[in-house]
Amino acid sequence: MKKVWLWHLLEEVDHRNACFDIYTHLGGGYLRRVSMMTGMVLIFITYHIYAQSGLLWQNGNLFNPRVYLDGLRFMLSKKGLYRNLIPPFLAYY
């Protein structure tokens, strides 16, 4: 399976490069790319908060401060999701 996933990753990189080449060929520039990325990040954050709130509500932990502290600790820890996403995100800009 490792070879299949590696092949799939390479295919996705190739698709990304082809799409970016077409975007720049059609006149897409830095300002449009950055503004669309910023808009999509805001949409993603909004959806993420909505989805997480729904899950916390179903679990009965929406108003439990300990859950939020544990979540922040996890997301900002050395192996946390957001801490590892910030450097590539900033490199995009």
PDB file of N, CA and C in Angstrom:
ATOM      1  N   MET A   1       0.819  -1.198   0.000  1.00  0.00           N
ATOM      2  CA  MET A   1       0.000   0.000   0.000  1.00  0.00           C
ATOM      3  C   MET A   1       0.859   1.257   0.000  1.00  0.00           C
ATOM      4  N   LYS A   2       2.053   1.161   0.588  1.00  0.00           N
ATOM      5  CA  LYS A   2       2.913   2.343   0.638  1.00  0.00           C
ATOM      6  C   LYS A   2       3.232   2.843  -0.768  1.00  0.00           C
ATOM      7  N   LYS A   3       3.488   1.928  -1.697  1.00  0.00           N
ATOM      8  CA  LYS A   3       3.787   2.330  -3.071  1.00  0.00           C
ATOM      9  C   LYS A   3       2.573   2.967  -3.749  1.00  0.00           C
ATOM     10  N   VAL A   4       1.400   2.464  -3.451  1.00  0.00           N
ATOM     11  CA  VAL A   4       0.179   3.036  -4.031  1.00  0.00           C
ATOM     12  C   VAL A   4      -0.020   4.461  -3.520  1.00  0.00           C
ATOM     13  N   TRP A   5       0.138   4.683  -2.212  1.00  0.00           N
ATOM     14  CA  TRP A   5      -0.039   6.021  -1.650  1.00  0.00           C
ATOM     15  C   TRP A   5       1.031   6.984  -2.150  1.00  0.00           C
ATOM     16  N   LEU A   6       2.257   6.507  -2.319  1.00  0.00           N
ATOM     17  CA  LEU A   6       3.315   7.354  -2.853  1.00  0.00           C
ATOM     18  C   LEU A   6       2.993   7.755  -4.291  1.00  0.00           C
ATOM     19  N   TRP A   7       2.531   6.809  -5.079  1.00  0.00           N
ATOM     20  CA  TRP A   7       2.127   7.118  -6.457  1.00  0.00           C
ATOM     21  C   TRP A   7       0.991   8.142  -6.454  1.00  0.00           C
ATOM     22  N   HIS A   8       0.017   7.953  -5.586  1.00  0.00           N
ATOM     23  CA  HIS A   8      -1.111   8.871  -5.511  1.00  0.00           C
ATOM     24  C   HIS A   8      -0.637  10.274  -5.125  1.00  0.00           C
ATOM     25  N   LEU A   9       0.277  10.358  -4.189  1.00  0.00           N
ATOM     26  CA  LEU A   9       0.821  11.653  -3.786  1.00  0.00           C
ATOM     27  C   LEU A   9       1.494  12.344  -4.964  1.00  0.00           C
ATOM     28  N   LEU A  10       2.287  11.602  -5.714  1.00  0.00           N
ATOM     29  CA  LEU A  10       2.963  12.184  -6.880  1.00  0.00           C
ATOM     30  C   LEU A  10       1.963  12.651  -7.932  1.00  0.00           C
ATOM     31  N   GLU A  11       0.904  11.902  -8.124  1.00  0.00           N
ATOM     32  CA  GLU A  11      -0.146  12.312  -9.055  1.00  0.00           C
ATOM     33  C   GLU A  11      -0.794  13.623  -8.611  1.00  0.00           C
ATOM     34  N   GLU A  12      -1.066  13.746  -7.323  1.00  0.00           N
ATOM     35  CA  GLU A  12      -1.693  14.967  -6.806  1.00  0.00           C
ATOM     36  C   GLU A  12      -0.770  16.172  -6.970  1.00  0.00           C
ATOM     37  N   VAL A  13       0.516  15.984  -6.742  1.00  0.00           N
ATOM     38  CA  VAL A  13       1.473  17.072  -6.941  1.00  0.00           C
ATOM     39  C   VAL A  13       1.485  17.484  -8.401  1.00  0.00           C
ATOM     40  N   ASP A  14       1.448  16.514  -9.305  1.00  0.00           N
ATOM     41  CA  ASP A  14       1.412  16.821 -10.729  1.00  0.00           C
ATOM     42  C   ASP A  14       0.157  17.591 -11.098  1.00  0.00           C
ATOM     43  N   HIS A  15      -0.998  17.198 -10.550  1.00  0.00           N
ATOM     44  CA  HIS A  15      -2.246  17.920 -10.827  1.00  0.00           C
ATOM     45  C   HIS A  15      -2.162  19.348 -10.317  1.00  0.00           C
ATOM     46  N   ARG A  16      -1.608  19.519  -9.120  1.00  0.00           N
ATOM     47  CA  ARG A  16      -1.485  20.851  -8.553  1.00  0.00           C
ATOM     48  C   ARG A  16      -0.617  21.728  -9.446  1.00  0.00           C
ATOM     49  N   ASN A  17       0.493  21.177  -9.913  1.00  0.00           N
ATOM     50  CA  ASN A  17       1.383  21.956 -10.776  1.00  0.00           C
ATOM     51  C   ASN A  17       0.709  22.313 -12.087  1.00  0.00           C
ATOM     52  N   ALA A  18      -0.046  21.396 -12.661  1.00  0.00           N
ATOM     53  CA  ALA A  18      -0.751  21.683 -13.916  1.00  0.00           C
ATOM     54  C   ALA A  18      -1.791  22.771 -13.704  1.00  0.00           C
ATOM     55  N   CYS A  19      -2.532  22.691 -12.616  1.00  0.00           N
ATOM     56  CA  CYS A  19      -3.548  23.712 -12.334  1.00  0.00           C
ATOM     57  C   CYS A  19      -2.907  25.075 -12.116  1.00  0.00           C
ATOM     58  N   PHE A  20      -1.798  25.114 -11.413  1.00  0.00           N
ATOM     59  CA  PHE A  20      -1.123  26.388 -11.171  1.00  0.00           C
ATOM     60  C   PHE A  20      -0.574  26.962 -12.474  1.00  0.00           C
ATOM     61  N   ASP A  21      -0.045  26.113 -13.343  1.00  0.00           N
ATOM     62  CA  ASP A  21       0.447  26.582 -14.646  1.00  0.00           C
ATOM     63  C   ASP A  21      -0.692  27.184 -15.466  1.00  0.00           C
ATOM     64  N   ILE A  22      -1.832  26.543 -15.470  1.00  0.00           N
ATOM     65  CA  ILE A  22      -2.990  27.076 -16.197  1.00  0.00           C
ATOM     66  C   ILE A  22      -3.439  28.394 -15.576  1.00  0.00           C
ATOM     67  N   TYR A  23      -3.478  28.459 -14.250  1.00  0.00           N
ATOM     68  CA  TYR A  23      -3.875  29.677 -13.543  1.00  0.00           C
ATOM     69  C   TYR A  23      -2.977  30.848 -13.934  1.00  0.00           C
ATOM     70  N   THR A  24      -1.665  30.643 -13.920  1.00  0.00           N
ATOM     71  CA  THR A  24      -0.758  31.739 -14.272  1.00  0.00           C
ATOM     72  C   THR A  24      -0.839  32.058 -15.764  1.00  0.00           C
ATOM     73  N   HIS A  25      -1.051  31.065 -16.596  1.00  0.00           N
ATOM     74  CA  HIS A  25      -1.183  31.309 -18.036  1.00  0.00           C
ATOM     75  C   HIS A  25      -2.414  32.162 -18.347  1.00  0.00           C
ATOM     76  N   LEU A  26      -3.479  31.964 -17.587  1.00  0.00           N
ATOM     77  CA  LEU A  26      -4.705  32.731 -17.803  1.00  0.00           C
ATOM     78  C   LEU A  26      -4.689  34.094 -17.111  1.00  0.00           C
ATOM     79  N   GLY A  27      -3.571  34.445 -16.517  1.00  0.00           N
ATOM     80  CA  GLY A  27      -3.432  35.779 -15.947  1.00  0.00           C
ATOM     81  C   GLY A  27      -3.625  35.861 -14.447  1.00  0.00           C
ATOM     82  N   GLY A  28      -3.737  34.732 -13.773  1.00  0.00           N
ATOM     83  CA  GLY A  28      -3.881  34.748 -12.323  1.00  0.00           C
ATOM     84  C   GLY A  28      -2.604  35.231 -11.667  1.00  0.00           C
ATOM     85  N   GLY A  29      -2.748  36.090 -10.700  1.00  0.00           N
ATOM     86  CA  GLY A  29      -1.573  36.656 -10.053  1.00  0.00           C
ATOM     87  C   GLY A  29      -1.570  36.419  -8.556  1.00  0.00           C
ATOM     88  N   TYR A  30      -0.570  37.008  -7.927  1.00  0.00           N
ATOM     89  CA  TYR A  30      -0.355  36.821  -6.494  1.00  0.00           C
ATOM     90  C   TYR A  30      -1.520  37.356  -5.673  1.00  0.00           C
ATOM     91  N   LEU A  31      -1.984  38.560  -5.968  1.00  0.00           N
ATOM     92  CA  LEU A  31      -3.040  39.185  -5.170  1.00  0.00           C
ATOM     93  C   LEU A  31      -4.323  38.352  -5.191  1.00  0.00           C
ATOM     94  N   ARG A  32      -4.721  37.873  -6.347  1.00  0.00           N
ATOM     95  CA  ARG A  32      -5.932  37.047  -6.442  1.00  0.00           C
ATOM     96  C   ARG A  32      -5.745  35.734  -5.682  1.00  0.00           C
ATOM     97  N   ARG A  33      -4.592  35.119  -5.840  1.00  0.00           N
ATOM     98  CA  ARG A  33      -4.315  33.844  -5.175  1.00  0.00           C
ATOM     99  C   ARG A  33      -4.352  34.008  -3.659  1.00  0.00           C
ATOM    100  N   VAL A  34      -3.725  35.056  -3.156  1.00  0.00           N
ATOM    101  CA  VAL A  34      -3.675  35.282  -1.717  1.00  0.00           C
ATOM    102  C   VAL A  34      -5.047  35.649  -1.164  1.00  0.00           C
ATOM    103  N   SER A  35      -5.793  36.465  -1.890  1.00  0.00           N
ATOM    104  CA  SER A  35      -7.126  36.844  -1.398  1.00  0.00           C
ATOM    105  C   SER A  35      -8.074  35.643  -1.400  1.00  0.00           C
ATOM    106  N   MET A  36      -7.980  34.775  -2.394  1.00  0.00           N
ATOM    107  CA  MET A  36      -8.824  33.577  -2.405  1.00  0.00           C
ATOM    108  C   MET A  36      -8.419  32.620  -1.283  1.00  0.00           C
ATOM    109  N   MET A  37      -7.123  32.497  -1.035  1.00  0.00           N
ATOM    110  CA  MET A  37      -6.662  31.628   0.055  1.00  0.00           C
ATOM    111  C   MET A  37      -7.161  32.161   1.399  1.00  0.00           C
ATOM    112  N   THR A  38      -7.091  33.465   1.589  1.00  0.00           N
ATOM    113  CA  THR A  38      -7.566  34.063   2.836  1.00  0.00           C
ATOM    114  C   THR A  38      -9.059  33.818   3.013  1.00  0.00           C
ATOM    115  N   GLY A  39      -9.823  33.987   1.949  1.00  0.00           N
ATOM    116  CA  GLY A  39     -11.261  33.723   2.011  1.00  0.00           C
ATOM    117  C   GLY A  39     -11.560  32.272   2.342  1.00  0.00           C
ATOM    118  N   MET A  40     -10.829  31.365   1.719  1.00  0.00           N
ATOM    119  CA  MET A  40     -11.061  29.945   1.973  1.00  0.00           C
ATOM    120  C   MET A  40     -10.660  29.564   3.398  1.00  0.00           C
ATOM    121  N   VAL A  41      -9.621  30.180   3.924  1.00  0.00           N
ATOM    122  CA  VAL A  41      -9.216  29.900   5.309  1.00  0.00           C
ATOM    123  C   VAL A  41     -10.320  30.352   6.259  1.00  0.00           C
ATOM    124  N   LEU A  42     -10.899  31.514   6.006  1.00  0.00           N
ATOM    125  CA  LEU A  42     -11.994  31.991   6.851  1.00  0.00           C
ATOM    126  C   LEU A  42     -13.205  31.062   6.775  1.00  0.00           C
ATOM    127  N   ILE A  43     -13.521  30.588   5.575  1.00  0.00           N
ATOM    128  CA  ILE A  43     -14.628  29.634   5.419  1.00  0.00           C
ATOM    129  C   ILE A  43     -14.304  28.333   6.155  1.00  0.00           C
ATOM    130  N   PHE A  44     -13.071  27.847   6.027  1.00  0.00           N
ATOM    131  CA  PHE A  44     -12.666  26.610   6.690  1.00  0.00           C
ATOM    132  C   PHE A  44     -12.764  26.746   8.205  1.00  0.00           C
ATOM    133  N   ILE A  45     -12.266  27.861   8.735  1.00  0.00           N
ATOM    134  CA  ILE A  45     -12.312  28.063  10.189  1.00  0.00           C
ATOM    135  C   ILE A  45     -13.757  28.113  10.665  1.00  0.00           C
ATOM    136  N   THR A  46     -14.608  28.820   9.935  1.00  0.00           N
ATOM    137  CA  THR A  46     -16.025  28.901  10.302  1.00  0.00           C
ATOM    138  C   THR A  46     -16.664  27.519  10.297  1.00  0.00           C
ATOM    139  N   TYR A  47     -16.423  26.738   9.250  1.00  0.00           N
ATOM    140  CA  TYR A  47     -16.984  25.397   9.175  1.00  0.00           C
ATOM    141  C   TYR A  47     -16.433  24.506  10.282  1.00  0.00           C
ATOM    142  N   HIS A  48     -15.146  24.632  10.561  1.00  0.00           N
ATOM    143  CA  HIS A  48     -14.519  23.817  11.598  1.00  0.00           C
ATOM    144  C   HIS A  48     -15.151  24.108  12.958  1.00  0.00           C
ATOM    145  N   ILE A  49     -15.353  25.384  13.263  1.00  0.00           N
ATOM    146  CA  ILE A  49     -15.986  25.749  14.535  1.00  0.00           C
ATOM    147  C   ILE A  49     -17.413  25.216  14.586  1.00  0.00           C
ATOM    148  N   TYR A  50     -18.149  25.337  13.496  1.00  0.00           N
ATOM    149  CA  TYR A  50     -19.529  24.842  13.435  1.00  0.00           C
ATOM    150  C   TYR A  50     -19.578  23.323  13.653  1.00  0.00           C
ATOM    151  N   ALA A  51     -18.705  22.592  12.951  1.00  0.00           N
ATOM    152  CA  ALA A  51     -18.702  21.129  13.057  1.00  0.00           C
ATOM    153  C   ALA A  51     -18.270  20.683  14.454  1.00  0.00           C
ATOM    154  N   GLN A  52     -17.224  21.298  14.980  1.00  0.00           N
ATOM    155  CA  GLN A  52     -16.763  20.936  16.321  1.00  0.00           C
ATOM    156  C   GLN A  52     -17.819  21.256  17.375  1.00  0.00           C
ATOM    157  N   SER A  53     -18.488  22.381  17.227  1.00  0.00           N
ATOM    158  CA  SER A  53     -19.538  22.742  18.185  1.00  0.00           C
ATOM    159  C   SER A  53     -20.659  21.712  18.167  1.00  0.00           C
ATOM    160  N   GLY A  54     -21.030  21.274  16.980  1.00  0.00           N
ATOM    161  CA  GLY A  54     -22.069  20.250  16.867  1.00  0.00           C
ATOM    162  C   GLY A  54     -21.673  18.950  17.539  1.00  0.00           C
ATOM    163  N   LEU A  55     -20.423  18.550  17.340  1.00  0.00           N
ATOM    164  CA  LEU A  55     -19.946  17.319  17.968  1.00  0.00           C
ATOM    165  C   LEU A  55     -19.873  17.465  19.491  1.00  0.00           C
ATOM    166  N   LEU A  56     -19.405  18.624  19.958  1.00  0.00           N
ATOM    167  CA  LEU A  56     -19.342  18.852  21.401  1.00  0.00           C
ATOM    168  C   LEU A  56     -20.739  18.895  22.012  1.00  0.00           C
ATOM    169  N   TRP A  57     -21.694  19.468  21.288  1.00  0.00           N
ATOM    170  CA  TRP A  57     -23.090  19.515  21.768  1.00  0.00           C
ATOM    171  C   TRP A  57     -23.646  18.095  21.909  1.00  0.00           C
ATOM    172  N   GLN A  58     -23.433  17.268  20.876  1.00  0.00           N
ATOM    173  CA  GLN A  58     -23.928  15.890  20.916  1.00  0.00           C
ATOM    174  C   GLN A  58     -23.288  15.094  22.050  1.00  0.00           C
ATOM    175  N   ASN A  59     -22.037  15.400  22.344  1.00  0.00           N
ATOM    176  CA  ASN A  59     -21.312  14.681  23.376  1.00  0.00           C
ATOM    177  C   ASN A  59     -21.580  15.241  24.771  1.00  0.00           C
ATOM    178  N   GLY A  60     -22.263  16.382  24.834  1.00  0.00           N
ATOM    179  CA  GLY A  60     -22.560  17.005  26.117  1.00  0.00           C
ATOM    180  C   GLY A  60     -21.406  17.795  26.703  1.00  0.00           C
ATOM    181  N   ASN A  61     -20.438  18.165  25.868  1.00  0.00           N
ATOM    182  CA  ASN A  61     -19.258  18.878  26.355  1.00  0.00           C
ATOM    183  C   ASN A  61     -19.121  20.292  25.798  1.00  0.00           C
ATOM    184  N   LEU A  62     -20.197  20.832  25.253  1.00  0.00           N
ATOM    185  CA  LEU A  62     -20.098  22.156  24.634  1.00  0.00           C
ATOM    186  C   LEU A  62     -19.691  23.226  25.640  1.00  0.00           C
ATOM    187  N   PHE A  63     -20.106  23.106  26.875  1.00  0.00           N
ATOM    188  CA  PHE A  63     -19.812  24.123  27.879  1.00  0.00           C
ATOM    189  C   PHE A  63     -18.826  23.617  28.941  1.00  0.00           C
ATOM    190  N   ASN A  64     -17.999  22.658  28.562  1.00  0.00           N
ATOM    191  CA  ASN A  64     -17.018  22.089  29.479  1.00  0.00           C
ATOM    192  C   ASN A  64     -15.648  22.728  29.203  1.00  0.00           C
ATOM    193  N   PRO A  65     -15.183  23.629  30.085  1.00  0.00           N
ATOM    194  CA  PRO A  65     -13.911  24.325  29.836  1.00  0.00           C
ATOM    195  C   PRO A  65     -12.709  23.384  29.733  1.00  0.00           C
ATOM    196  N   ARG A  66     -12.747  22.276  30.437  1.00  0.00           N
ATOM    197  CA  ARG A  66     -11.619  21.336  30.393  1.00  0.00           C
ATOM    198  C   ARG A  66     -11.427  20.770  28.981  1.00  0.00           C
ATOM    199  N   VAL A  67     -12.513  20.529  28.289  1.00  0.00           N
ATOM    200  CA  VAL A  67     -12.418  20.013  26.919  1.00  0.00           C
ATOM    201  C   VAL A  67     -11.707  21.022  26.026  1.00  0.00           C
ATOM    202  N   TYR A  68     -12.024  22.304  26.190  1.00  0.00           N
ATOM    203  CA  TYR A  68     -11.390  23.341  25.382  1.00  0.00           C
ATOM    204  C   TYR A  68      -9.895  23.466  25.700  1.00  0.00           C
ATOM    205  N   LEU A  69      -9.545  23.377  26.968  1.00  0.00           N
ATOM    206  CA  LEU A  69      -8.135  23.440  27.355  1.00  0.00           C
ATOM    207  C   LEU A  69      -7.361  22.246  26.812  1.00  0.00           C
ATOM    208  N   ASP A  70      -7.952  21.061  26.908  1.00  0.00           N
ATOM    209  CA  ASP A  70      -7.305  19.869  26.347  1.00  0.00           C
ATOM    210  C   ASP A  70      -7.153  19.991  24.836  1.00  0.00           C
ATOM    211  N   GLY A  71      -8.175  20.518  24.176  1.00  0.00           N
ATOM    212  CA  GLY A  71      -8.109  20.701  22.726  1.00  0.00           C
ATOM    213  C   GLY A  71      -7.035  21.686  22.320  1.00  0.00           C
ATOM    214  N   LEU A  72      -6.945  22.808  23.018  1.00  0.00           N
ATOM    215  CA  LEU A  72      -5.895  23.782  22.719  1.00  0.00           C
ATOM    216  C   LEU A  72      -4.511  23.209  22.971  1.00  0.00           C
ATOM    217  N   ARG A  73      -4.384  22.483  24.059  1.00  0.00           N
ATOM    218  CA  ARG A  73      -3.100  21.864  24.373  1.00  0.00           C
ATOM    219  C   ARG A  73      -2.704  20.891  23.260  1.00  0.00           C
ATOM    220  N   PHE A  74      -3.678  20.126  22.762  1.00  0.00           N
ATOM    221  CA  PHE A  74      -3.385  19.173  21.689  1.00  0.00           C
ATOM    222  C   PHE A  74      -3.026  19.901  20.391  1.00  0.00           C
ATOM    223  N   MET A  75      -3.815  20.897  20.011  1.00  0.00           N
ATOM    224  CA  MET A  75      -3.585  21.570  18.734  1.00  0.00           C
ATOM    225  C   MET A  75      -2.280  22.354  18.708  1.00  0.00           C
ATOM    226  N   LEU A  76      -1.856  22.869  19.856  1.00  0.00           N
ATOM    227  CA  LEU A  76      -0.649  23.677  19.902  1.00  0.00           C
ATOM    228  C   LEU A  76       0.576  22.912  20.398  1.00  0.00           C
ATOM    229  N   SER A  77       0.403  21.627  20.695  1.00  0.00           N
ATOM    230  CA  SER A  77       1.537  20.827  21.155  1.00  0.00           C
ATOM    231  C   SER A  77       2.536  20.625  20.020  1.00  0.00           C
ATOM    232  N   LYS A  78       3.658  20.042  20.345  1.00  0.00           N
ATOM    233  CA  LYS A  78       4.719  19.853  19.352  1.00  0.00           C
ATOM    234  C   LYS A  78       4.236  19.077  18.128  1.00  0.00           C
ATOM    235  N   LYS A  79       3.370  18.090  18.342  1.00  0.00           N
ATOM    236  CA  LYS A  79       2.842  17.297  17.228  1.00  0.00           C
ATOM    237  C   LYS A  79       1.407  17.688  16.885  1.00  0.00           C
ATOM    238  N   GLY A  80       0.953  18.807  17.393  1.00  0.00           N
ATOM    239  CA  GLY A  80      -0.418  19.237  17.173  1.00  0.00           C
ATOM    240  C   GLY A  80      -0.697  19.679  15.750  1.00  0.00           C
ATOM    241  N   LEU A  81      -1.959  19.622  15.376  1.00  0.00           N
ATOM    242  CA  LEU A  81      -2.374  19.932  14.010  1.00  0.00           C
ATOM    243  C   LEU A  81      -2.040  21.361  13.616  1.00  0.00           C
ATOM    244  N   TYR A  82      -2.504  22.325  14.387  1.00  0.00           N
ATOM    245  CA  TYR A  82      -2.336  23.714  13.976  1.00  0.00           C
ATOM    246  C   TYR A  82      -0.892  24.175  14.061  1.00  0.00           C
ATOM    247  N   ARG A  83      -0.185  23.707  15.041  1.00  0.00           N
ATOM    248  CA  ARG A  83       1.223  24.109  15.150  1.00  0.00           C
ATOM    249  C   ARG A  83       2.015  23.646  13.938  1.00  0.00           C
ATOM    250  N   ASN A  84       1.664  22.499  13.392  1.00  0.00           N
ATOM    251  CA  ASN A  84       2.363  21.992  12.210  1.00  0.00           C
ATOM    252  C   ASN A  84       1.843  22.571  10.907  1.00  0.00           C
ATOM    253  N   LEU A  85       0.660  23.169  10.928  1.00  0.00           N
ATOM    254  CA  LEU A  85       0.126  23.784   9.711  1.00  0.00           C
ATOM    255  C   LEU A  85       0.556  25.232   9.541  1.00  0.00           C
ATOM    256  N   ILE A  86       0.934  25.887  10.628  1.00  0.00           N
ATOM    257  CA  ILE A  86       1.246  27.324  10.546  1.00  0.00           C
ATOM    258  C   ILE A  86       2.452  27.618   9.665  1.00  0.00           C
ATOM    259  N   PRO A  87       3.603  26.930   9.794  1.00  0.00           N
ATOM    260  CA  PRO A  87       4.736  27.270   8.920  1.00  0.00           C
ATOM    261  C   PRO A  87       4.438  27.125   7.419  1.00  0.00           C
ATOM    262  N   PRO A  88       3.827  26.018   6.957  1.00  0.00           N
ATOM    263  CA  PRO A  88       3.522  25.962   5.521  1.00  0.00           C
ATOM    264  C   PRO A  88       2.494  27.016   5.106  1.00  0.00           C
ATOM    265  N   PHE A  89       1.557  27.317   6.000  1.00  0.00           N
ATOM    266  CA  PHE A  89       0.554  28.341   5.702  1.00  0.00           C
ATOM    267  C   PHE A  89       1.226  29.690   5.492  1.00  0.00           C
ATOM    268  N   LEU A  90       2.135  30.051   6.372  1.00  0.00           N
ATOM    269  CA  LEU A  90       2.841  31.328   6.230  1.00  0.00           C
ATOM    270  C   LEU A  90       3.748  31.328   5.010  1.00  0.00           C
ATOM    271  N   ALA A  91       4.323  30.184   4.683  1.00  0.00           N
ATOM    272  CA  ALA A  91       5.172  30.098   3.490  1.00  0.00           C
ATOM    273  C   ALA A  91       4.364  30.337   2.216  1.00  0.00           C
ATOM    274  N   TYR A  92       3.088  29.997   2.235  1.00  0.00           N
ATOM    275  CA  TYR A  92       2.206  30.221   1.083  1.00  0.00           C
ATOM    276  C   TYR A  92       2.125  31.709   0.755  1.00  0.00           C
ATOM    277  N   TYR A  93       2.092  32.520   1.806  1.00  0.00           N
ATOM    278  CA  TYR A  93       1.983  33.965   1.587  1.00  0.00           C
ATOM    279  C   TYR A  93       3.329  34.585   1.282  1.00  0.00           C
TER     280      TYR A  93
END
